[in-house]
C-alpha atoms as a PDB file:
ATOM      1  CA  UNK A   1     -18.084   0.597  17.470  1.00  0.00           C
ATOM      2  CA  UNK A   2     -16.085  -0.457  13.970  1.00  0.00           C
ATOM      3  CA  UNK A   3     -14.313   2.183  11.981  1.00  0.00           C
ATOM      4  CA  UNK A   4     -17.235   3.092   9.882  1.00  0.00           C
ATOM      5  CA  UNK A   5     -19.128   4.066  13.191  1.00  0.00           C
ATOM      6  CA  UNK A   6     -16.368   6.131  14.168  1.00  0.00           C
ATOM      7  CA  UNK A   7     -16.217   7.976  10.743  1.00  0.00           C
ATOM      8  CA  UNK A   8     -19.848   8.378  10.806  1.00  0.00           C
ATOM      9  CA  UNK A   9     -19.764  10.768  13.850  1.00  0.00           C
ATOM     10  CA  UNK A  10     -17.992  13.385  11.342  1.00  0.00           C
ATOM     11  CA  UNK A  11     -19.595  16.773  10.461  1.00  0.00           C
ATOM     12  CA  UNK A  12     -22.741  16.236   8.586  1.00  0.00           C
ATOM     13  CA  UNK A  13     -21.726  16.716   4.718  1.00  0.00           C
ATOM     14  CA  UNK A  14     -18.093  17.037   5.612  1.00  0.00           C
ATOM     15  CA  UNK A  15     -16.377  17.165   2.279  1.00  0.00           C
ATOM     16  CA  UNK A  16     -12.513  16.933   3.173  1.00  0.00           C
ATOM     17  CA  UNK A  17     -11.780  19.442   0.098  1.00  0.00           C
ATOM     18  CA  UNK A  18     -13.969  21.686   2.110  1.00  0.00           C
ATOM     19  CA  UNK A  19     -12.151  21.839   5.539  1.00  0.00           C
ATOM     20  CA  UNK A  20     -11.342  25.718   5.360  1.00  0.00           C
ATOM     21  CA  UNK A  21     -14.384  26.910   3.668  1.00  0.00           C
ATOM     22  CA  UNK A  22     -16.227  29.794   5.354  1.00  0.00           C
ATOM     23  CA  UNK A  23     -18.803  27.782   7.170  1.00  0.00           C
ATOM     24  CA  UNK A  24     -16.079  26.054   8.913  1.00  0.00           C
ATOM     25  CA  UNK A  25     -14.340  29.098   9.806  1.00  0.00           C
ATOM     26  CA  UNK A  26     -17.543  30.936  11.291  1.00  0.00           C
ATOM     27  CA  UNK A  27     -17.911  27.899  13.048  1.00  0.00           C
ATOM     28  CA  UNK A  28     -14.902  26.420  14.755  1.00  0.00           C
ATOM     29  CA  UNK A  29     -16.636  23.946  16.637  1.00  0.00           C
ATOM     30  CA  UNK A  30     -17.026  22.054  13.722  1.00  0.00           C
ATOM     31  CA  UNK A  31     -13.618  22.266  12.210  1.00  0.00           C
ATOM     32  CA  UNK A  32     -12.245  20.959  15.499  1.00  0.00           C
ATOM     33  CA  UNK A  33     -14.811  18.067  15.614  1.00  0.00           C
ATOM     34  CA  UNK A  34     -14.106  17.227  11.954  1.00  0.00           C
ATOM     35  CA  UNK A  35     -10.429  17.251  12.419  1.00  0.00           C
ATOM     36  CA  UNK A  36     -10.531  15.143  15.348  1.00  0.00           C
ATOM     37  CA  UNK A  37     -12.615  12.696  13.637  1.00  0.00           C
ATOM     38  CA  UNK A  38     -10.120  12.463  10.965  1.00  0.00           C
ATOM     39  CA  UNK A  39      -7.050  12.115  13.332  1.00  0.00           C
ATOM     40  CA  UNK A  40      -9.120   9.310  14.876  1.00  0.00           C
ATOM     41  CA  UNK A  41      -9.304   7.455  11.838  1.00  0.00           C
ATOM     42  CA  UNK A  42      -6.187   7.932  10.452  1.00  0.00           C
ATOM     43  CA  UNK A  43      -4.429   6.818  13.881  1.00  0.00           C
ATOM     44  CA  UNK A  44      -6.190   3.424  13.228  1.00  0.00           C
ATOM     45  CA  UNK A  45      -4.894   3.097   9.775  1.00  0.00           C
ATOM     46  CA  UNK A  46      -1.368   3.793  10.913  1.00  0.00           C
ATOM     47  CA  UNK A  47      -1.784   1.185  14.003  1.00  0.00           C
ATOM     48  CA  UNK A  48      -2.730  -1.100  11.201  1.00  0.00           C
ATOM     49  CA  UNK A  49       0.542  -0.641   9.383  1.00  0.00           C
ATOM     50  CA  UNK A  50       2.512  -1.106  12.636  1.00  0.00           C
ATOM     51  CA  UNK A  51       0.717  -4.447  12.763  1.00  0.00           C
ATOM     52  CA  UNK A  52       1.727  -5.596   9.313  1.00  0.00           C
ATOM     53  CA  UNK A  53       5.398  -3.970   9.808  1.00  0.00           C
ATOM     54  CA  UNK A  54       5.942  -5.950  13.211  1.00  0.00           C
ATOM     55  CA  UNK A  55       4.822  -9.235  11.364  1.00  0.00           C
ATOM     56  CA  UNK A  56       7.292  -8.494   8.814  1.00  0.00           C
ATOM     57  CA  UNK A  57      10.037  -7.929  11.224  1.00  0.00           C
ATOM     58  CA  UNK A  58       9.127 -11.314  13.452  1.00  0.00           C
ATOM     59  CA  UNK A  59       9.406 -13.012  10.288  1.00  0.00           C
ATOM     60  CA  UNK A  60      12.856 -11.085   9.219  1.00  0.00           C
ATOM     61  CA  UNK A  61      14.331 -12.261  12.661  1.00  0.00           C
ATOM     62  CA  UNK A  62      12.870 -15.689  12.746  1.00  0.00           C
ATOM     63  CA  UNK A  63      14.957 -16.214   9.342  1.00  0.00           C
ATOM     64  CA  UNK A  64      17.853 -14.803  10.820  1.00  0.00           C
ATOM     65  CA  UNK A  65      17.966 -16.923  13.938  1.00  0.00           C
ATOM     66  CA  UNK A  66      17.028 -20.101  11.914  1.00  0.00           C
ATOM     67  CA  UNK A  67      20.219 -19.274   9.487  1.00  0.00           C
ATOM     68  CA  UNK A  68      17.805 -19.059   6.437  1.00  0.00           C
ATOM     69  CA  UNK A  69      18.292 -16.164   3.902  1.00  0.00           C
ATOM     70  CA  UNK A  70      16.319 -13.386   4.281  1.00  0.00           C
ATOM     71  CA  UNK A  71      13.414 -12.958   1.573  1.00  0.00           C
ATOM     72  CA  UNK A  72      12.737  -9.503   2.783  1.00  0.00           C
ATOM     73  CA  UNK A  73      15.249  -6.493   1.910  1.00  0.00           C
ATOM     74  CA  UNK A  74      13.333  -3.435   2.896  1.00  0.00           C
ATOM     75  CA  UNK A  75       9.826  -2.463   4.166  1.00  0.00           C
ATOM     76  CA  UNK A  76       8.288   1.103   3.531  1.00  0.00           C
ATOM     77  CA  UNK A  77       5.076   2.472   4.391  1.00  0.00           C
ATOM     78  CA  UNK A  78       2.849   5.350   4.226  1.00  0.00           C
ATOM     79  CA  UNK A  79      -0.663   6.763   5.070  1.00  0.00           C
ATOM     80  CA  UNK A  80      -2.416   8.581   2.357  1.00  0.00           C
ATOM     81  CA  UNK A  81      -2.342  12.412   2.760  1.00  0.00           C
ATOM     82  CA  UNK A  82      -5.965  14.354   2.942  1.00  0.00           C
ATOM     83  CA  UNK A  83      -5.472  15.660  -0.226  1.00  0.00           C
ATOM     84  CA  UNK A  84      -4.459  12.486  -1.876  1.00  0.00           C
ATOM     85  CA  UNK A  85      -7.826  10.891  -0.409  1.00  0.00           C
ATOM     86  CA  UNK A  86     -10.173  13.508  -1.671  1.00  0.00           C
ATOM     87  CA  UNK A  87      -8.252  13.479  -5.050  1.00  0.00           C
ATOM     88  CA  UNK A  88      -9.072   9.780  -5.505  1.00  0.00           C
ATOM     89  CA  UNK A  89     -12.516   9.965  -4.261  1.00  0.00           C
ATOM     90  CA  UNK A  90     -13.518  12.918  -6.516  1.00  0.00           C
ATOM     91  CA  UNK A  91     -11.558  10.981  -9.447  1.00  0.00           C
ATOM     92  CA  UNK A  92     -13.857   8.156  -9.004  1.00  0.00           C
ATOM     93  CA  UNK A  93     -16.983  10.294  -8.591  1.00  0.00           C
ATOM     94  CA  UNK A  94     -17.510   9.161  -4.931  1.00  0.00           C
ATOM     95  CA  UNK A  95     -18.701  11.298  -2.290  1.00  0.00           C
ATOM     96  CA  UNK A  96     -15.892  12.814  -0.359  1.00  0.00           C
ATOM     97  CA  UNK A  97     -16.866  11.758   3.327  1.00  0.00           C
ATOM     98  CA  UNK A  98     -15.296  10.004   5.834  1.00  0.00           C
ATOM     99  CA  UNK A  99     -17.893   7.114   5.350  1.00  0.00           C
ATOM    100  CA  UNK A 100     -16.764   6.965   1.747  1.00  0.00           C
ATOM    101  CA  UNK A 101     -13.144   6.832   2.258  1.00  0.00           C
ATOM    102  CA  UNK A 102     -13.494   3.986   4.662  1.00  0.00           C
ATOM    103  CA  UNK A 103     -15.790   2.198   2.676  1.00  0.00           C
ATOM    104  CA  UNK A 104     -14.385   2.660  -0.854  1.00  0.00           C
ATOM    105  CA  UNK A 105     -10.638   3.221  -0.602  1.00  0.00           C
ATOM    106  CA  UNK A 106      -8.673   0.003   0.096  1.00  0.00           C
ATOM    107  CA  UNK A 107      -4.907   1.895   0.095  1.00  0.00           C
ATOM    108  CA  UNK A 108      -5.229   4.717   2.685  1.00  0.00           C
ATOM    109  CA  UNK A 109      -2.675   2.487   4.434  1.00  0.00           C
ATOM    110  CA  UNK A 110       0.086   1.092   2.215  1.00  0.00           C
ATOM    111  CA  UNK A 111       2.961  -1.261   2.948  1.00  0.00           C
ATOM    112  CA  UNK A 112       5.676  -1.995   0.344  1.00  0.00           C
ATOM    113  CA  UNK A 113       7.783  -5.060   0.687  1.00  0.00           C
ATOM    114  CA  UNK A 114      11.133  -5.459  -1.306  1.00  0.00           C
ATOM    115  CA  UNK A 115      12.265  -8.784  -1.694  1.00  0.00           C
ATOM    116  CA  UNK A 116      15.654  -9.957  -3.302  1.00  0.00           C
ATOM    117  CA  UNK A 117      14.157 -12.248  -5.658  1.00  0.00           C
ATOM    118  CA  UNK A 118      10.698 -13.109  -7.528  1.00  0.00           C
ATOM    119  CA  UNK A 119      10.257 -16.363  -5.549  1.00  0.00           C
ATOM    120  CA  UNK A 120      10.823 -14.428  -2.300  1.00  0.00           C
ATOM    121  CA  UNK A 121       7.503 -12.369  -3.014  1.00  0.00           C
ATOM    122  CA  UNK A 122       5.478 -15.550  -2.970  1.00  0.00           C
ATOM    123  CA  UNK A 123       7.022 -16.566   0.182  1.00  0.00           C
ATOM    124  CA  UNK A 124       6.520 -13.523   2.201  1.00  0.00           C
ATOM    125  CA  UNK A 125       2.925 -13.569   0.729  1.00  0.00           C
ATOM    126  CA  UNK A 126       2.502 -17.175   1.887  1.00  0.00           C
ATOM    127  CA  UNK A 127       3.875 -16.579   5.276  1.00  0.00           C
ATOM    128  CA  UNK A 128       1.465 -13.295   5.781  1.00  0.00           C
ATOM    129  CA  UNK A 129      -1.678 -15.197   4.611  1.00  0.00           C
ATOM    130  CA  UNK A 130      -0.825 -17.987   6.924  1.00  0.00           C
ATOM    131  CA  UNK A 131      -1.555 -15.592   9.893  1.00  0.00           C
ATOM    132  CA  UNK A 132      -5.019 -16.384  11.313  1.00  0.00           C
ATOM    133  CA  UNK A 133      -5.609 -12.655  11.984  1.00  0.00           C
ATOM    134  CA  UNK A 134      -5.057 -11.699   8.354  1.00  0.00           C
ATOM    135  CA  UNK A 135      -7.934 -11.926   5.857  1.00  0.00           C
ATOM    136  CA  UNK A 136      -7.060 -11.620   2.221  1.00  0.00           C
ATOM    137  CA  UNK A 137      -9.631  -9.351   0.703  1.00  0.00           C
ATOM    138  CA  UNK A 138      -8.333  -9.103  -2.877  1.00  0.00           C
ATOM    139  CA  UNK A 139      -4.912  -9.990  -4.782  1.00  0.00           C
ATOM    140  CA  UNK A 140      -3.795  -8.451  -8.248  1.00  0.00           C
ATOM    141  CA  UNK A 141      -0.802 -10.348  -9.768  1.00  0.00           C
ATOM    142  CA  UNK A 142       1.143  -7.667 -11.760  1.00  0.00           C
ATOM    143  CA  UNK A 143       4.102 -10.131 -12.203  1.00  0.00           C
ATOM    144  CA  UNK A 144       2.378 -12.906 -14.072  1.00  0.00           C
ATOM    145  CA  UNK A 145       0.027 -10.218 -15.649  1.00  0.00           C
ATOM    146  CA  UNK A 146       2.108  -7.157 -15.829  1.00  0.00           C
ATOM    147  CA  UNK A 147       0.178  -3.892 -16.800  1.00  0.00           C
ATOM    148  CA  UNK A 148       0.542  -2.289 -20.381  1.00  0.00           C
ATOM    149  CA  UNK A 149       3.176   0.262 -18.856  1.00  0.00           C
ATOM    150  CA  UNK A 150       5.389  -2.837 -18.010  1.00  0.00           C
ATOM    151  CA  UNK A 151       4.936  -2.381 -14.333  1.00  0.00           C
ATOM    152  CA  UNK A 152       5.107  -5.505 -12.310  1.00  0.00           C
ATOM    153  CA  UNK A 153       4.343  -6.031  -8.508  1.00  0.00           C
ATOM    154  CA  UNK A 154       2.252  -8.174  -6.208  1.00  0.00           C
ATOM    155  CA  UNK A 155      -0.756  -6.387  -4.765  1.00  0.00           C
ATOM    156  CA  UNK A 156      -2.417  -7.728  -1.658  1.00  0.00           C
ATOM    157  CA  UNK A 157      -5.503  -6.016   0.079  1.00  0.00           C
ATOM    158  CA  UNK A 158      -5.888  -7.564   3.468  1.00  0.00           C
ATOM    159  CA  UNK A 159      -7.976  -6.757   6.728  1.00  0.00           C
ATOM    160  CA  UNK A 160      -6.051  -6.890  10.039  1.00  0.00           C
ATOM    161  CA  UNK A 161      -7.724  -6.176  13.806  1.00  0.00           C
ATOM    162  CA  UNK A 162      -6.409  -3.237  15.284  1.00  0.00           C
ATOM    163  CA  UNK A 163      -6.972  -3.606  19.155  1.00  0.00           C
ATOM    164  CA  UNK A 164      -7.648  -0.251  20.983  1.00  0.00           C
ATOM    165  CA  UNK A 165      -8.649   0.108  24.716  1.00  0.00           C
ATOM    166  CA  UNK A 166     -12.496   0.154  23.981  1.00  0.00           C
ATOM    167  CA  UNK A 167     -12.924  -1.297  20.518  1.00  0.00           C
ATOM    168  CA  UNK A 168     -11.550  -3.491  17.769  1.00  0.00           C
ATOM    169  CA  UNK A 169     -11.426  -2.502  14.427  1.00  0.00           C
ATOM    170  CA  UNK A 170     -10.644  -4.548  11.227  1.00  0.00           C
ATOM    171  CA  UNK A 171      -8.802  -2.392   8.898  1.00  0.00           C
ATOM    172  CA  UNK A 172      -7.920  -2.546   5.351  1.00  0.00           C
ATOM    173  CA  UNK A 173      -4.174  -2.340   4.346  1.00  0.00           C
ATOM    174  CA  UNK A 174      -2.695  -2.774   0.656  1.00  0.00           C
ATOM    175  CA  UNK A 175       0.321  -4.547   0.301  1.00  0.00           C
ATOM    176  CA  UNK A 176       2.866  -4.271  -2.428  1.00  0.00           C
ATOM    177  CA  UNK A 177       5.598  -7.037  -2.841  1.00  0.00           C
ATOM    178  CA  UNK A 178       8.157  -6.271  -5.500  1.00  0.00           C
ATOM    179  CA  UNK A 179      11.791  -7.196  -6.258  1.00  0.00           C
ATOM    180  CA  UNK A 180      14.729  -4.628  -5.994  1.00  0.00           C
ATOM    181  CA  UNK A 181      14.774  -4.298  -9.738  1.00  0.00           C
ATOM    182  CA  UNK A 182      10.794  -3.908 -10.051  1.00  0.00           C
ATOM    183  CA  UNK A 183      10.984  -1.273  -7.276  1.00  0.00           C
ATOM    184  CA  UNK A 184      13.638   0.565  -9.418  1.00  0.00           C
ATOM    185  CA  UNK A 185      11.743   0.762 -12.376  1.00  0.00           C
ATOM    186  CA  UNK A 186       8.341   1.565 -10.513  1.00  0.00           C
ATOM    187  CA  UNK A 187       9.860   4.625  -8.451  1.00  0.00           C
ATOM    188  CA  UNK A 188      11.674   5.979 -11.762  1.00  0.00           C
ATOM    189  CA  UNK A 189       8.468   5.740 -14.087  1.00  0.00           C
ATOM    190  CA  UNK A 190       6.427   7.452 -11.007  1.00  0.00           C
ATOM    191  CA  UNK A 191       9.028  10.205 -10.752  1.00  0.00           C
ATOM    192  CA  UNK A 192       8.980  10.588 -14.572  1.00  0.00           C
ATOM    193  CA  UNK A 193       5.069  11.153 -14.793  1.00  0.00           C
ATOM    194  CA  UNK A 194       5.166  13.316 -11.524  1.00  0.00           C
ATOM    195  CA  UNK A 195       7.593  15.661 -12.987  1.00  0.00           C
ATOM    196  CA  UNK A 196       5.821  16.462 -16.236  1.00  0.00           C
ATOM    197  CA  UNK A 197       2.502  17.862 -16.998  1.00  0.00           C
ATOM    198  CA  UNK A 198       2.304  16.710 -20.516  1.00  0.00           C
ATOM    199  CA  UNK A 199       1.132  13.425 -21.795  1.00  0.00           C
ATOM    200  CA  UNK A 200       3.853  10.952 -22.190  1.00  0.00           C
ATOM    201  CA  UNK A 201       4.765  10.431 -25.950  1.00  0.00           C
ATOM    202  CA  UNK A 202       4.131   6.953 -27.067  1.00  0.00           C
ATOM    203  CA  UNK A 203       7.841   6.718 -27.821  1.00  0.00           C
ATOM    204  CA  UNK A 204       8.662   7.128 -24.454  1.00  0.00           C
ATOM    205  CA  UNK A 205       5.942   4.577 -23.311  1.00  0.00           C
ATOM    206  CA  UNK A 206       7.378   1.749 -25.585  1.00  0.00           C
ATOM    207  CA  UNK A 207      11.057   2.611 -24.149  1.00  0.00           C
ATOM    208  CA  UNK A 208       9.471   2.446 -20.903  1.00  0.00           C
ATOM    209  CA  UNK A 209       7.993  -0.804 -21.580  1.00  0.00           C
ATOM    210  CA  UNK A 210      11.536  -2.233 -22.892  1.00  0.00           C
ATOM    211  CA  UNK A 211      13.379  -0.973 -19.926  1.00  0.00           C
ATOM    212  CA  UNK A 212      10.862  -2.963 -17.806  1.00  0.00           C
ATOM    213  CA  UNK A 213      10.972  -6.260 -19.909  1.00  0.00           C
ATOM    214  CA  UNK A 214      14.837  -6.055 -19.345  1.00  0.00           C
ATOM    215  CA  UNK A 215      14.573  -5.550 -15.804  1.00  0.00           C
ATOM    216  CA  UNK A 216      12.022  -8.612 -15.707  1.00  0.00           C
ATOM    217  CA  UNK A 217      14.584 -10.669 -17.809  1.00  0.00           C
ATOM    218  CA  UNK A 218      17.417  -9.721 -15.299  1.00  0.00           C
ATOM    219  CA  UNK A 219      15.183 -10.635 -12.125  1.00  0.00           C
ATOM    220  CA  UNK A 220      14.824 -13.942 -13.696  1.00  0.00           C
ATOM    221  CA  UNK A 221      18.315 -14.432 -14.633  1.00  0.00           C
ATOM    222  CA  UNK A 222      19.773 -13.401 -11.103  1.00  0.00           C
ATOM    223  CA  UNK A 223      17.073 -15.816  -9.213  1.00  0.00           C
ATOM    224  CA  UNK A 224      18.410 -18.465 -11.600  1.00  0.00           C
ATOM    225  CA  UNK A 225      21.996 -17.839 -10.695  1.00  0.00           C
ATOM    226  CA  UNK A 226      21.037 -17.797  -7.059  1.00  0.00           C
ATOM    227  CA  UNK A 227      19.727 -21.204  -7.387  1.00  0.00           C
ATOM    228  CA  UNK A 228      22.584 -22.539  -9.001  1.00  0.00           C
ATOM    229  CA  UNK A 229      24.730 -21.432  -6.258  1.00  0.00           C
ATOM    230  CA  UNK A 230      22.408 -22.597  -3.869  1.00  0.00           C
ATOM    231  CA  UNK A 231      22.918 -26.160  -5.310  1.00  0.00           C
ATOM    232  CA  UNK A 232      26.589 -25.835  -5.031  1.00  0.00           C
ATOM    233  CA  UNK A 233      26.608 -26.029  -1.176  1.00  0.00           C
END
């Protein structure tokens, strides 16, 4: 049974935003079944995240033992909340069902890798993709091609097998790779958008873009300094 088959056992027409509607209150068996199915699916996504985190931890330890500089500063992870999943499906005018979320959403499981330098991002990417059980499904390079806002990051959608006692599930995970500076800008930009309900004025958009460009220049200059120091050894 794959993850799609697992999801298909959900309550017929069981939309996530309706988990507390009157029909489910009147029929608690349906509620329990839907909650159990959702918990099963999310457990598989959480297991996929652990797979990626373990791989990154092993790479970290390998570099440490080998005496090489560590290309990974920190690793963060999260699984999308039910509200976030439902909201994204509704925004894309897709059915809000278990089948739909598994098939259409690639970022239910997310891992963010923070690296010291830009070159480290591509080194970590290559190390991960060399592993035979990781399949690259999609890659978006917002470092070489930044978004209009100034956002920079390397996004990978990969598929990794999760081995359970009676089944193997191929699970999609989104991996974002950023430098410390890129993450600093992205987190503050997200916070600004999160805290305001009004449209961001064009003047502030331009200022955010200018700051992003300044941070990108700093990233490049710091890496050049690091290379110079390494060449002096």
